Amino acid sequence: MPRRLSIRTLAAAGVIVSCAAPALADTLRFSHFLPPGHYFDNDVHAWGDALSEASDGALTLQVFPAGQMGAPADHYAMVRDGIVDAAWVNFGYTPGAFPIADLIDLPYSLEIDRDVASVAVHNWYSAYAPQEMPDVHFCIAHVGAPGALHSAQPIATPSDVAGLQVRPASGAMARFIADLGGSAVQVPATEARQAIERGVANAITFPWGSIDFFGISDAVPYHIANTLYYVGAGIVINKARYDGLSPEMQAAVDSVCTPEWAVNVGASWVEFENNGRQVLADMGHTIHELTEDELTAWHEAAQPSYDRWAAAMTEAGLDPEAIRADLDDAVAAAQ
């Protein structure tokens, strides 16, 4: 008759694994399309560190930068389809997919400090994300660095853009340039300098620091100081992945899906971009602050952008005035 092994014998043989052994961390795969080591990439890692700390190390973030997992325009679908667990999504990269969020990208939509704008956008869009993004778990909405108009020749009024070729930062900016009588020149940021030097483009809508970073500073010595636009973006999480977490782990995720993190994710990138304005001033560039009359003219020139957006909202059965009023209220609260 075989001899029974005692509990003590089994333990000595290493058969019993202690219940106190730490569980393996659950890794969330996160994708974005900026280079590794970029300011934004560093901010994403800081976000992941905060998630790990909030979960006592049970959740960790594996970051895939530089579009390794897919093209920039595919990031929402990648999260929806479970190719990655979470991603940073530029709302305007999928035209028509998020028509409410398109309000963020319109010219002069948010003429406020970036941090205030990010808090306002996050709080405002949190109410609309379930409607526009039902296939994912919404985490954060925010804006990037403020963008301005930079040119090879002086520009002060909307009429000065007529006949010019402008490299736009987004689809919203391309349509705005067309409203002004200009033409949009679609080239990558890395080719913008050559386009301007060859006369293919006369101007560019861009954040400040990137003008020098991409070597465009010599080609565009004239700048309008006022913020022309922001670009809306955010973090979304695969719905099944989030729903499958324990309540404690969901709470950990929720702790980094806040207005504070809407500011912090991208904050160092924005700081770099904003510092670029002084860099250009030190180069002797002309930075023109619009007069009250000039700014009024630019606001009037932007009205067709809002009319198109409002028409799209109405066609979808939504109330554009109420949606815009909600954003205005969120801005007032954030300030």
C-alpha atoms as a PDB file:
ATOM      1  CA  MET A   1       0.000   0.000   0.000  1.00  0.00           C
ATOM      2  CA  PRO A   2       1.577   3.311  -1.027  1.00  0.00           C
ATOM      3  CA  ARG A   3       2.593   5.564   1.796  1.00  0.00           C
ATOM      4  CA  ARG A   4       0.703   8.845   2.082  1.00  0.00           C
ATOM      5  CA  LEU A   5       2.829  11.948   1.897  1.00  0.00           C
ATOM      6  CA  SER A   6       2.358  14.320   4.773  1.00  0.00           C
ATOM      7  CA  ILE A   7       1.768  18.042   4.303  1.00  0.00           C
ATOM      8  CA  ARG A   8       5.208  18.586   5.818  1.00  0.00           C
ATOM      9  CA  THR A   9       6.766  16.254   3.265  1.00  0.00           C
ATOM     10  CA  LEU A  10       5.036  17.971   0.361  1.00  0.00           C
ATOM     11  CA  ALA A  11       6.138  21.381   1.559  1.00  0.00           C
ATOM     12  CA  ALA A  12       9.707  20.214   1.935  1.00  0.00           C
ATOM     13  CA  ALA A  13       9.593  18.929  -1.631  1.00  0.00           C
ATOM     14  CA  GLY A  14       8.458  22.321  -2.858  1.00  0.00           C
ATOM     15  CA  VAL A  15       5.154  21.007  -4.145  1.00  0.00           C
ATOM     16  CA  ILE A  16       3.063  23.519  -2.222  1.00  0.00           C
ATOM     17  CA  VAL A  17       3.380  27.117  -3.408  1.00  0.00           C
ATOM     18  CA  SER A  18       2.928  29.695  -0.695  1.00  0.00           C
ATOM     19  CA  CYS A  19      -0.246  31.768  -0.972  1.00  0.00           C
ATOM     20  CA  ALA A  20       1.879  34.756  -0.048  1.00  0.00           C
ATOM     21  CA  ALA A  21       3.766  34.652  -3.359  1.00  0.00           C
ATOM     22  CA  PRO A  22       3.156  37.875  -5.314  1.00  0.00           C
ATOM     23  CA  ALA A  23       0.788  37.604  -8.258  1.00  0.00           C
ATOM     24  CA  LEU A  24       2.090  38.361 -11.722  1.00  0.00           C
ATOM     25  CA  ALA A  25       1.362  41.916 -12.840  1.00  0.00           C
ATOM     26  CA  ASP A  26      -1.316  42.413 -15.487  1.00  0.00           C
ATOM     27  CA  THR A  27       0.182  44.300 -18.417  1.00  0.00           C
ATOM     28  CA  LEU A  28      -1.790  46.777 -20.503  1.00  0.00           C
ATOM     29  CA  ARG A  29      -0.479  47.331 -24.029  1.00  0.00           C
ATOM     30  CA  PHE A  30      -0.519  51.065 -24.859  1.00  0.00           C
ATOM     31  CA  SER A  31       0.099  52.503 -28.325  1.00  0.00           C
ATOM     32  CA  HIS A  32       0.898  55.966 -29.608  1.00  0.00           C
ATOM     33  CA  PHE A  33       2.536  57.230 -32.798  1.00  0.00           C
ATOM     34  CA  LEU A  34       5.204  59.669 -31.577  1.00  0.00           C
ATOM     35  CA  PRO A  35       8.886  58.665 -31.361  1.00  0.00           C
ATOM     36  CA  PRO A  36      10.331  56.893 -28.315  1.00  0.00           C
ATOM     37  CA  GLY A  37      11.875  59.399 -25.938  1.00  0.00           C
ATOM     38  CA  HIS A  38       9.640  62.198 -27.248  1.00  0.00           C
ATOM     39  CA  TYR A  39       8.270  64.522 -24.578  1.00  0.00           C
ATOM     40  CA  PHE A  40       4.846  62.918 -24.943  1.00  0.00           C
ATOM     41  CA  ASP A  41       6.322  59.418 -24.729  1.00  0.00           C
ATOM     42  CA  ASN A  42       7.917  60.378 -21.406  1.00  0.00           C
ATOM     43  CA  ASP A  43       4.573  61.683 -20.146  1.00  0.00           C
ATOM     44  CA  VAL A  44       2.886  58.411 -21.112  1.00  0.00           C
ATOM     45  CA  HIS A  45       5.455  56.462 -19.111  1.00  0.00           C
ATOM     46  CA  ALA A  46       4.788  58.740 -16.131  1.00  0.00           C
ATOM     47  CA  TRP A  47       1.068  57.997 -16.562  1.00  0.00           C
ATOM     48  CA  GLY A  48       1.879  54.286 -16.564  1.00  0.00           C
ATOM     49  CA  ASP A  49       3.967  54.654 -13.405  1.00  0.00           C
ATOM     50  CA  ALA A  50       1.021  56.343 -11.692  1.00  0.00           C
ATOM     51  CA  LEU A  51      -1.255  53.499 -12.781  1.00  0.00           C
ATOM     52  CA  SER A  52       1.192  50.941 -11.391  1.00  0.00           C
ATOM     53  CA  GLU A  53       1.403  52.814  -8.098  1.00  0.00           C
ATOM     54  CA  ALA A  54      -2.389  53.147  -7.831  1.00  0.00           C
ATOM     55  CA  SER A  55      -2.774  49.389  -8.365  1.00  0.00           C
ATOM     56  CA  ASP A  56       0.066  48.458  -5.967  1.00  0.00           C
ATOM     57  CA  GLY A  57       1.990  47.069  -8.916  1.00  0.00           C
ATOM     58  CA  ALA A  58      -0.831  44.833 -10.150  1.00  0.00           C
ATOM     59  CA  LEU A  59      -1.203  46.812 -13.386  1.00  0.00           C
ATOM     60  CA  THR A  60       1.711  47.824 -15.563  1.00  0.00           C
ATOM     61  CA  LEU A  61       1.917  49.613 -18.894  1.00  0.00           C
ATOM     62  CA  GLN A  62       3.810  48.341 -21.917  1.00  0.00           C
ATOM     63  CA  VAL A  63       4.235  51.277 -24.289  1.00  0.00           C
ATOM     64  CA  PHE A  64       4.510  50.811 -28.050  1.00  0.00           C
ATOM     65  CA  PRO A  65       5.589  54.191 -29.546  1.00  0.00           C
ATOM     66  CA  ALA A  66       6.162  55.350 -33.108  1.00  0.00           C
ATOM     67  CA  GLY A  67       3.081  53.655 -34.543  1.00  0.00           C
ATOM     68  CA  GLN A  68       4.577  50.176 -34.123  1.00  0.00           C
ATOM     69  CA  MET A  69       1.112  48.686 -33.725  1.00  0.00           C
ATOM     70  CA  GLY A  70      -0.644  50.701 -36.430  1.00  0.00           C
ATOM     71  CA  ALA A  71      -1.007  53.990 -38.284  1.00  0.00           C
ATOM     72  CA  PRO A  72      -2.058  57.151 -36.396  1.00  0.00           C
ATOM     73  CA  ALA A  73      -5.546  57.134 -37.908  1.00  0.00           C
ATOM     74  CA  ASP A  74      -6.067  53.514 -36.848  1.00  0.00           C
ATOM     75  CA  HIS A  75      -5.525  53.940 -33.120  1.00  0.00           C
ATOM     76  CA  TYR A  76      -9.184  54.180 -32.127  1.00  0.00           C
ATOM     77  CA  ALA A  77     -10.042  51.061 -34.131  1.00  0.00           C
ATOM     78  CA  MET A  78      -7.024  49.272 -32.664  1.00  0.00           C
ATOM     79  CA  VAL A  79      -8.409  49.797 -29.166  1.00  0.00           C
ATOM     80  CA  ARG A  80     -11.969  48.967 -30.194  1.00  0.00           C
ATOM     81  CA  ASP A  81     -10.850  45.709 -31.805  1.00  0.00           C
ATOM     82  CA  GLY A  82      -8.501  44.681 -28.995  1.00  0.00           C
ATOM     83  CA  ILE A  83      -5.292  44.918 -30.997  1.00  0.00           C
ATOM     84  CA  VAL A  84      -4.024  47.021 -28.086  1.00  0.00           C
ATOM     85  CA  ASP A  85      -5.513  47.588 -24.651  1.00  0.00           C
ATOM     86  CA  ALA A  86      -5.232  51.382 -24.692  1.00  0.00           C
ATOM     87  CA  ALA A  87      -4.058  54.139 -27.013  1.00  0.00           C
ATOM     88  CA  TRP A  88      -3.677  57.853 -27.519  1.00  0.00           C
ATOM     89  CA  VAL A  89      -6.132  58.964 -30.203  1.00  0.00           C
ATOM     90  CA  ASN A  90      -6.054  62.191 -32.202  1.00  0.00           C
ATOM     91  CA  PHE A  91      -9.773  62.848 -32.699  1.00  0.00           C
ATOM     92  CA  GLY A  92      -9.339  64.645 -36.015  1.00  0.00           C
ATOM     93  CA  TYR A  93      -7.369  61.811 -37.633  1.00  0.00           C
ATOM     94  CA  THR A  94     -10.600  59.935 -38.315  1.00  0.00           C
ATOM     95  CA  PRO A  95     -12.738  62.586 -40.087  1.00  0.00           C
ATOM     96  CA  GLY A  96     -16.422  62.424 -39.240  1.00  0.00           C
ATOM     97  CA  ALA A  97     -15.994  59.761 -36.563  1.00  0.00           C
ATOM     98  CA  PHE A  98     -16.332  62.162 -33.628  1.00  0.00           C
ATOM     99  CA  PRO A  99     -18.382  65.113 -34.901  1.00  0.00           C
ATOM    100  CA  ILE A 100     -19.031  66.569 -31.446  1.00  0.00           C
ATOM    101  CA  ALA A 101     -15.313  66.523 -30.630  1.00  0.00           C
ATOM    102  CA  ASP A 102     -14.644  68.344 -33.924  1.00  0.00           C
ATOM    103  CA  LEU A 103     -15.656  71.519 -32.083  1.00  0.00           C
ATOM    104  CA  ILE A 104     -12.315  71.417 -30.237  1.00  0.00           C
ATOM    105  CA  ASP A 105     -10.272  71.767 -33.435  1.00  0.00           C
ATOM    106  CA  LEU A 106     -12.131  74.724 -34.930  1.00  0.00           C
ATOM    107  CA  PRO A 107     -10.228  78.024 -35.220  1.00  0.00           C
ATOM    108  CA  TYR A 108     -10.426  80.178 -32.074  1.00  0.00           C
ATOM    109  CA  SER A 109     -12.545  77.550 -30.326  1.00  0.00           C
ATOM    110  CA  LEU A 110     -10.462  77.823 -27.148  1.00  0.00           C
ATOM    111  CA  GLU A 111      -8.612  81.097 -26.691  1.00  0.00           C
ATOM    112  CA  ILE A 112      -7.304  80.180 -23.249  1.00  0.00           C
ATOM    113  CA  ASP A 113      -4.260  78.659 -21.589  1.00  0.00           C
ATOM    114  CA  ARG A 114      -3.615  75.054 -22.596  1.00  0.00           C
ATOM    115  CA  ASP A 115      -3.947  73.611 -19.091  1.00  0.00           C
ATOM    116  CA  VAL A 116      -7.314  75.300 -18.586  1.00  0.00           C
ATOM    117  CA  ALA A 117      -8.377  74.142 -22.050  1.00  0.00           C
ATOM    118  CA  SER A 118      -7.451  70.538 -21.265  1.00  0.00           C
ATOM    119  CA  VAL A 119      -9.417  70.491 -18.009  1.00  0.00           C
ATOM    120  CA  ALA A 120     -12.410  72.070 -19.742  1.00  0.00           C
ATOM    121  CA  VAL A 121     -12.268  69.707 -22.724  1.00  0.00           C
ATOM    122  CA  HIS A 122     -11.945  66.652 -20.478  1.00  0.00           C
ATOM    123  CA  ASN A 123     -14.874  67.610 -18.284  1.00  0.00           C
ATOM    124  CA  TRP A 124     -17.005  68.644 -21.263  1.00  0.00           C
ATOM    125  CA  TYR A 125     -16.303  65.641 -23.464  1.00  0.00           C
ATOM    126  CA  SER A 126     -16.707  63.138 -20.628  1.00  0.00           C
ATOM    127  CA  ALA A 127     -20.457  63.685 -20.978  1.00  0.00           C
ATOM    128  CA  TYR A 128     -20.430  63.139 -24.750  1.00  0.00           C
ATOM    129  CA  ALA A 129     -17.837  60.363 -25.115  1.00  0.00           C
ATOM    130  CA  PRO A 130     -20.310  57.527 -24.326  1.00  0.00           C
ATOM    131  CA  GLN A 131     -22.392  58.797 -27.245  1.00  0.00           C
ATOM    132  CA  GLU A 132     -19.515  59.157 -29.726  1.00  0.00           C
ATOM    133  CA  MET A 133     -17.261  56.382 -28.458  1.00  0.00           C
ATOM    134  CA  PRO A 134     -19.598  53.603 -27.308  1.00  0.00           C
ATOM    135  CA  ASP A 135     -17.203  50.868 -28.421  1.00  0.00           C
ATOM    136  CA  VAL A 136     -14.401  51.819 -26.002  1.00  0.00           C
ATOM    137  CA  HIS A 137     -13.924  52.934 -22.411  1.00  0.00           C
ATOM    138  CA  PHE A 138     -13.229  56.674 -22.407  1.00  0.00           C
ATOM    139  CA  CYS A 139     -10.371  57.792 -20.160  1.00  0.00           C
ATOM    140  CA  ILE A 140      -9.023  61.239 -21.028  1.00  0.00           C
ATOM    141  CA  ALA A 141      -9.689  64.101 -23.425  1.00  0.00           C
ATOM    142  CA  HIS A 142      -7.258  66.999 -23.699  1.00  0.00           C
ATOM    143  CA  VAL A 143      -5.580  69.377 -26.116  1.00  0.00           C
ATOM    144  CA  GLY A 144      -2.009  69.688 -27.296  1.00  0.00           C
ATOM    145  CA  ALA A 145       0.122  72.799 -27.485  1.00  0.00           C
ATOM    146  CA  PRO A 146      -1.468  75.983 -28.865  1.00  0.00           C
ATOM    147  CA  GLY A 147      -0.962  76.394 -32.587  1.00  0.00           C
ATOM    148  CA  ALA A 148      -0.388  79.607 -34.510  1.00  0.00           C
ATOM    149  CA  LEU A 149       0.071  80.827 -38.078  1.00  0.00           C
ATOM    150  CA  HIS A 150       3.710  81.172 -39.221  1.00  0.00           C
ATOM    151  CA  SER A 151       4.594  82.570 -42.627  1.00  0.00           C
ATOM    152  CA  ALA A 152       7.276  83.599 -45.098  1.00  0.00           C
ATOM    153  CA  GLN A 153       5.690  87.040 -45.414  1.00  0.00           C
ATOM    154  CA  PRO A 154       3.795  89.313 -43.014  1.00  0.00           C
ATOM    155  CA  ILE A 155       0.190  88.309 -42.310  1.00  0.00           C
ATOM    156  CA  ALA A 156      -2.113  90.395 -40.107  1.00  0.00           C
ATOM    157  CA  THR A 157      -5.626  90.018 -41.533  1.00  0.00           C
ATOM    158  CA  PRO A 158      -7.594  87.119 -43.025  1.00  0.00           C
ATOM    159  CA  SER A 159      -7.420  88.731 -46.475  1.00  0.00           C
ATOM    160  CA  ASP A 160      -3.629  88.375 -46.373  1.00  0.00           C
ATOM    161  CA  VAL A 161      -4.054  84.596 -46.704  1.00  0.00           C
ATOM    162  CA  ALA A 162      -5.876  84.804 -50.038  1.00  0.00           C
ATOM    163  CA  GLY A 163      -3.800  83.180 -52.754  1.00  0.00           C
ATOM    164  CA  LEU A 164      -1.288  81.635 -50.332  1.00  0.00           C
ATOM    165  CA  GLN A 165      -0.395  77.973 -49.989  1.00  0.00           C
ATOM    166  CA  VAL A 166      -0.539  76.887 -46.348  1.00  0.00           C
ATOM    167  CA  ARG A 167       0.490  73.628 -44.718  1.00  0.00           C
ATOM    168  CA  PRO A 168      -2.415  73.003 -42.265  1.00  0.00           C
ATOM    169  CA  ALA A 169      -2.172  71.144 -38.969  1.00  0.00           C
ATOM    170  CA  SER A 170      -5.542  69.405 -39.362  1.00  0.00           C
ATOM    171  CA  GLY A 171      -8.562  68.985 -41.557  1.00  0.00           C
ATOM    172  CA  ALA A 172     -10.276  71.809 -39.682  1.00  0.00           C
ATOM    173  CA  MET A 173      -7.363  74.125 -40.472  1.00  0.00           C
ATOM    174  CA  ALA A 174      -7.360  73.047 -44.127  1.00  0.00           C
ATOM    175  CA  ARG A 175     -11.029  74.002 -44.467  1.00  0.00           C
ATOM    176  CA  PHE A 176     -10.398  77.298 -42.671  1.00  0.00           C
ATOM    177  CA  ILE A 177      -7.554  78.161 -45.050  1.00  0.00           C
ATOM    178  CA  ALA A 178      -9.852  77.422 -47.989  1.00  0.00           C
ATOM    179  CA  ASP A 179     -12.453  79.785 -46.502  1.00  0.00           C
ATOM    180  CA  LEU A 180      -9.801  82.517 -46.528  1.00  0.00           C
ATOM    181  CA  GLY A 181      -9.019  81.965 -50.196  1.00  0.00           C
ATOM    182  CA  GLY A 182      -5.813  80.035 -49.588  1.00  0.00           C
ATOM    183  CA  SER A 183      -4.851  76.513 -50.616  1.00  0.00           C
ATOM    184  CA  ALA A 184      -3.930  73.679 -48.272  1.00  0.00           C
ATOM    185  CA  VAL A 185      -0.623  71.945 -49.016  1.00  0.00           C
ATOM    186  CA  GLN A 186      -0.592  68.500 -47.449  1.00  0.00           C
ATOM    187  CA  VAL A 187       3.014  67.571 -46.694  1.00  0.00           C
ATOM    188  CA  PRO A 188       4.531  65.844 -43.633  1.00  0.00           C
ATOM    189  CA  ALA A 189       6.062  68.126 -41.009  1.00  0.00           C
ATOM    190  CA  THR A 190       9.502  66.845 -41.964  1.00  0.00           C
ATOM    191  CA  GLU A 191       9.000  68.166 -45.525  1.00  0.00           C
ATOM    192  CA  ALA A 192       7.474  71.530 -44.593  1.00  0.00           C
ATOM    193  CA  ARG A 193      10.773  73.420 -44.777  1.00  0.00           C
ATOM    194  CA  GLN A 194      11.522  72.212 -48.302  1.00  0.00           C
ATOM    195  CA  ALA A 195       7.957  73.012 -49.371  1.00  0.00           C
ATOM    196  CA  ILE A 196       8.265  76.596 -48.142  1.00  0.00           C
ATOM    197  CA  GLU A 197      11.776  77.092 -49.554  1.00  0.00           C
ATOM    198  CA  ARG A 198      10.624  75.831 -52.973  1.00  0.00           C
ATOM    199  CA  GLY A 199       7.619  78.135 -52.880  1.00  0.00           C
ATOM    200  CA  VAL A 200       5.208  75.204 -52.746  1.00  0.00           C
ATOM    201  CA  ALA A 201       3.960  76.619 -49.437  1.00  0.00           C
ATOM    202  CA  ASN A 202       4.018  80.150 -48.016  1.00  0.00           C
ATOM    203  CA  ALA A 203       2.893  79.470 -44.478  1.00  0.00           C
ATOM    204  CA  ILE A 204       2.200  76.769 -41.900  1.00  0.00           C
ATOM    205  CA  THR A 205      -0.098  76.295 -38.903  1.00  0.00           C
ATOM    206  CA  PHE A 206       2.071  74.733 -36.210  1.00  0.00           C
ATOM    207  CA  PRO A 207       2.948  74.884 -32.511  1.00  0.00           C
ATOM    208  CA  TRP A 208       5.826  77.213 -31.656  1.00  0.00           C
ATOM    209  CA  GLY A 209       8.630  74.860 -30.646  1.00  0.00           C
ATOM    210  CA  SER A 210       8.190  72.601 -33.651  1.00  0.00           C
ATOM    211  CA  ILE A 211       9.025  75.480 -36.000  1.00  0.00           C
ATOM    212  CA  ASP A 212      12.663  75.357 -34.916  1.00  0.00           C
ATOM    213  CA  PHE A 213      12.659  71.601 -34.144  1.00  0.00           C
ATOM    214  CA  PHE A 214      11.774  70.751 -37.747  1.00  0.00           C
ATOM    215  CA  GLY A 215      14.203  73.324 -39.143  1.00  0.00           C
ATOM    216  CA  ILE A 216      11.470  75.595 -40.481  1.00  0.00           C
ATOM    217  CA  SER A 217      12.494  78.733 -38.567  1.00  0.00           C
ATOM    218  CA  ASP A 218      14.583  80.258 -41.370  1.00  0.00           C
ATOM    219  CA  ALA A 219      11.728  79.810 -43.831  1.00  0.00           C
ATOM    220  CA  VAL A 220       8.979  81.464 -41.745  1.00  0.00           C
ATOM    221  CA  PRO A 221      10.250  84.579 -39.934  1.00  0.00           C
ATOM    222  CA  TYR A 222       6.733  86.049 -39.431  1.00  0.00           C
ATOM    223  CA  HIS A 223       4.287  84.836 -36.807  1.00  0.00           C
ATOM    224  CA  ILE A 224       0.881  85.764 -35.422  1.00  0.00           C
ATOM    225  CA  ALA A 225       1.161  85.653 -31.633  1.00  0.00           C
ATOM    226  CA  ASN A 226      -2.478  84.798 -30.924  1.00  0.00           C
ATOM    227  CA  THR A 227      -3.503  81.158 -30.510  1.00  0.00           C
ATOM    228  CA  LEU A 228      -5.293  80.072 -33.673  1.00  0.00           C
ATOM    229  CA  TYR A 229      -6.218  76.512 -32.745  1.00  0.00           C
ATOM    230  CA  TYR A 230      -5.827  73.500 -30.503  1.00  0.00           C
ATOM    231  CA  VAL A 231      -5.884  69.851 -31.524  1.00  0.00           C
ATOM    232  CA  GLY A 232      -8.144  67.548 -29.512  1.00  0.00           C
ATOM    233  CA  ALA A 233      -6.912  64.106 -28.488  1.00  0.00           C
ATOM    234  CA  GLY A 234      -7.270  61.617 -25.684  1.00  0.00           C
ATOM    235  CA  ILE A 235      -6.752  58.163 -24.203  1.00  0.00           C
ATOM    236  CA  VAL A 236      -9.226  55.342 -24.703  1.00  0.00           C
ATOM    237  CA  ILE A 237      -9.209  51.795 -23.314  1.00  0.00           C
ATOM    238  CA  ASN A 238     -10.581  48.575 -24.747  1.00  0.00           C
ATOM    239  CA  LYS A 239     -14.046  48.124 -23.266  1.00  0.00           C
ATOM    240  CA  ALA A 240     -13.833  44.378 -22.611  1.00  0.00           C
ATOM    241  CA  ARG A 241     -10.388  44.816 -21.075  1.00  0.00           C
ATOM    242  CA  TYR A 242     -11.629  47.455 -18.640  1.00  0.00           C
ATOM    243  CA  ASP A 243     -14.850  45.580 -17.838  1.00  0.00           C
ATOM    244  CA  GLY A 244     -12.807  42.445 -17.126  1.00  0.00           C
ATOM    245  CA  LEU A 245     -10.785  44.117 -14.376  1.00  0.00           C
ATOM    246  CA  SER A 246     -11.732  43.740 -10.742  1.00  0.00           C
ATOM    247  CA  PRO A 247     -13.475  46.705  -9.088  1.00  0.00           C
ATOM    248  CA  GLU A 248     -10.197  47.527  -7.319  1.00  0.00           C
ATOM    249  CA  MET A 249      -8.248  47.557 -10.580  1.00  0.00           C
ATOM    250  CA  GLN A 250     -10.960  49.590 -12.313  1.00  0.00           C
ATOM    251  CA  ALA A 251     -10.626  52.138  -9.510  1.00  0.00           C
ATOM    252  CA  ALA A 252      -6.870  52.245 -10.153  1.00  0.00           C
ATOM    253  CA  VAL A 253      -7.486  52.964 -13.836  1.00  0.00           C
ATOM    254  CA  ASP A 254     -10.087  55.587 -12.959  1.00  0.00           C
ATOM    255  CA  SER A 255      -7.519  57.330 -10.747  1.00  0.00           C
ATOM    256  CA  VAL A 256      -5.433  58.187 -13.824  1.00  0.00           C
ATOM    257  CA  CYS A 257      -8.424  59.137 -15.991  1.00  0.00           C
ATOM    258  CA  THR A 258      -8.902  62.548 -14.420  1.00  0.00           C
ATOM    259  CA  PRO A 259      -8.743  66.247 -15.300  1.00  0.00           C
ATOM    260  CA  GLU A 260      -5.332  66.385 -13.610  1.00  0.00           C
ATOM    261  CA  TRP A 261      -3.976  63.716 -15.939  1.00  0.00           C
ATOM    262  CA  ALA A 262      -5.635  65.425 -18.902  1.00  0.00           C
ATOM    263  CA  VAL A 263      -3.167  68.217 -18.126  1.00  0.00           C
ATOM    264  CA  ASN A 264      -0.186  66.052 -17.182  1.00  0.00           C
ATOM    265  CA  VAL A 265      -0.216  63.761 -20.221  1.00  0.00           C
ATOM    266  CA  GLY A 266       1.510  65.990 -22.741  1.00  0.00           C
ATOM    267  CA  ALA A 267       2.494  68.715 -20.272  1.00  0.00           C
ATOM    268  CA  SER A 268       6.236  68.480 -20.921  1.00  0.00           C
ATOM    269  CA  TRP A 269       5.610  68.477 -24.688  1.00  0.00           C
ATOM    270  CA  VAL A 270       3.488  71.614 -24.358  1.00  0.00           C
ATOM    271  CA  GLU A 271       6.194  73.284 -22.244  1.00  0.00           C
ATOM    272  CA  PHE A 272       8.737  72.613 -24.990  1.00  0.00           C
ATOM    273  CA  GLU A 273       6.408  73.990 -27.665  1.00  0.00           C
ATOM    274  CA  ASN A 274       5.570  77.126 -25.681  1.00  0.00           C
ATOM    275  CA  ASN A 275       9.245  77.856 -25.016  1.00  0.00           C
ATOM    276  CA  GLY A 276       9.759  77.895 -28.775  1.00  0.00           C
ATOM    277  CA  ARG A 277       8.085  81.272 -29.029  1.00  0.00           C
ATOM    278  CA  GLN A 278      10.916  82.909 -27.088  1.00  0.00           C
ATOM    279  CA  VAL A 279      13.452  80.994 -29.161  1.00  0.00           C
ATOM    280  CA  LEU A 280      12.015  82.535 -32.329  1.00  0.00           C
ATOM    281  CA  ALA A 281      11.886  85.987 -30.740  1.00  0.00           C
ATOM    282  CA  ASP A 282      15.564  85.652 -29.826  1.00  0.00           C
ATOM    283  CA  MET A 283      16.276  84.901 -33.496  1.00  0.00           C
ATOM    284  CA  GLY A 284      14.854  88.304 -34.375  1.00  0.00           C
ATOM    285  CA  HIS A 285      11.605  87.019 -35.851  1.00  0.00           C
ATOM    286  CA  THR A 286       8.551  89.250 -36.108  1.00  0.00           C
ATOM    287  CA  ILE A 287       5.802  88.110 -33.718  1.00  0.00           C
ATOM    288  CA  HIS A 288       2.668  90.141 -34.333  1.00  0.00           C
ATOM    289  CA  GLU A 289       0.027  90.528 -31.613  1.00  0.00           C
ATOM    290  CA  LEU A 290      -3.305  91.074 -33.366  1.00  0.00           C
ATOM    291  CA  THR A 291      -5.083  94.358 -32.711  1.00  0.00           C
ATOM    292  CA  GLU A 292      -8.658  94.217 -31.456  1.00  0.00           C
ATOM    293  CA  ASP A 293      -9.992  95.003 -34.939  1.00  0.00           C
ATOM    294  CA  GLU A 294      -7.734  92.411 -36.557  1.00  0.00           C
ATOM    295  CA  LEU A 295      -8.790  89.729 -34.085  1.00  0.00           C
ATOM    296  CA  THR A 296     -12.446  90.559 -34.722  1.00  0.00           C
ATOM    297  CA  ALA A 297     -11.838  90.071 -38.437  1.00  0.00           C
ATOM    298  CA  TRP A 298     -10.257  86.667 -37.801  1.00  0.00           C
ATOM    299  CA  HIS A 299     -13.185  85.638 -35.615  1.00  0.00           C
ATOM    300  CA  GLU A 300     -15.608  86.624 -38.365  1.00  0.00           C
ATOM    301  CA  ALA A 301     -13.554  84.680 -40.903  1.00  0.00           C
ATOM    302  CA  ALA A 302     -13.819  81.593 -38.687  1.00  0.00           C
ATOM    303  CA  GLN A 303     -17.630  81.681 -38.603  1.00  0.00           C
ATOM    304  CA  PRO A 304     -18.069  79.385 -41.647  1.00  0.00           C
ATOM    305  CA  SER A 305     -16.166  76.700 -39.732  1.00  0.00           C
ATOM    306  CA  TYR A 306     -18.741  76.877 -36.953  1.00  0.00           C
ATOM    307  CA  ASP A 307     -21.615  77.004 -39.421  1.00  0.00           C
ATOM    308  CA  ARG A 308     -20.443  73.740 -41.012  1.00  0.00           C
ATOM    309  CA  TRP A 309     -20.020  72.096 -37.625  1.00  0.00           C
ATOM    310  CA  ALA A 310     -23.460  73.304 -36.476  1.00  0.00           C
ATOM    311  CA  ALA A 311     -25.065  71.987 -39.663  1.00  0.00           C
ATOM    312  CA  ALA A 312     -23.486  68.577 -39.072  1.00  0.00           C
ATOM    313  CA  MET A 313     -24.792  68.566 -35.505  1.00  0.00           C
ATOM    314  CA  THR A 314     -28.302  69.527 -36.618  1.00  0.00           C
ATOM    315  CA  GLU A 315     -28.279  66.851 -39.321  1.00  0.00           C
ATOM    316  CA  ALA A 316     -27.366  64.299 -36.641  1.00  0.00           C
ATOM    317  CA  GLY A 317     -30.315  65.418 -34.530  1.00  0.00           C
ATOM    318  CA  LEU A 318     -28.147  67.259 -31.993  1.00  0.00           C
ATOM    319  CA  ASP A 319     -28.347  70.788 -30.631  1.00  0.00           C
ATOM    320  CA  PRO A 320     -25.151  72.652 -31.611  1.00  0.00           C
ATOM    321  CA  GLU A 321     -25.941  75.682 -29.463  1.00  0.00           C
ATOM    322  CA  ALA A 322     -26.392  73.535 -26.357  1.00  0.00           C
ATOM    323  CA  ILE A 323     -23.199  71.580 -27.056  1.00  0.00           C
ATOM    324  CA  ARG A 324     -21.178  74.744 -27.534  1.00  0.00           C
ATOM    325  CA  ALA A 325     -22.755  76.298 -24.429  1.00  0.00           C
ATOM    326  CA  ASP A 326     -21.696  73.207 -22.454  1.00  0.00           C
ATOM    327  CA  LEU A 327     -18.105  73.741 -23.591  1.00  0.00           C
ATOM    328  CA  ASP A 328     -18.277  77.428 -22.654  1.00  0.00           C
ATOM    329  CA  ASP A 329     -19.569  76.451 -19.202  1.00  0.00           C
ATOM    330  CA  ALA A 330     -16.752  73.924 -18.801  1.00  0.00           C
ATOM    331  CA  VAL A 331     -14.213  76.610 -19.709  1.00  0.00           C
ATOM    332  CA  ALA A 332     -15.711  79.025 -17.172  1.00  0.00           C
ATOM    333  CA  ALA A 333     -15.608  76.333 -14.477  1.00  0.00           C
ATOM    334  CA  ALA A 334     -12.012  75.384 -15.329  1.00  0.00           C
ATOM    335  CA  GLN A 335     -10.894  78.989 -15.081  1.00  0.00           C
END
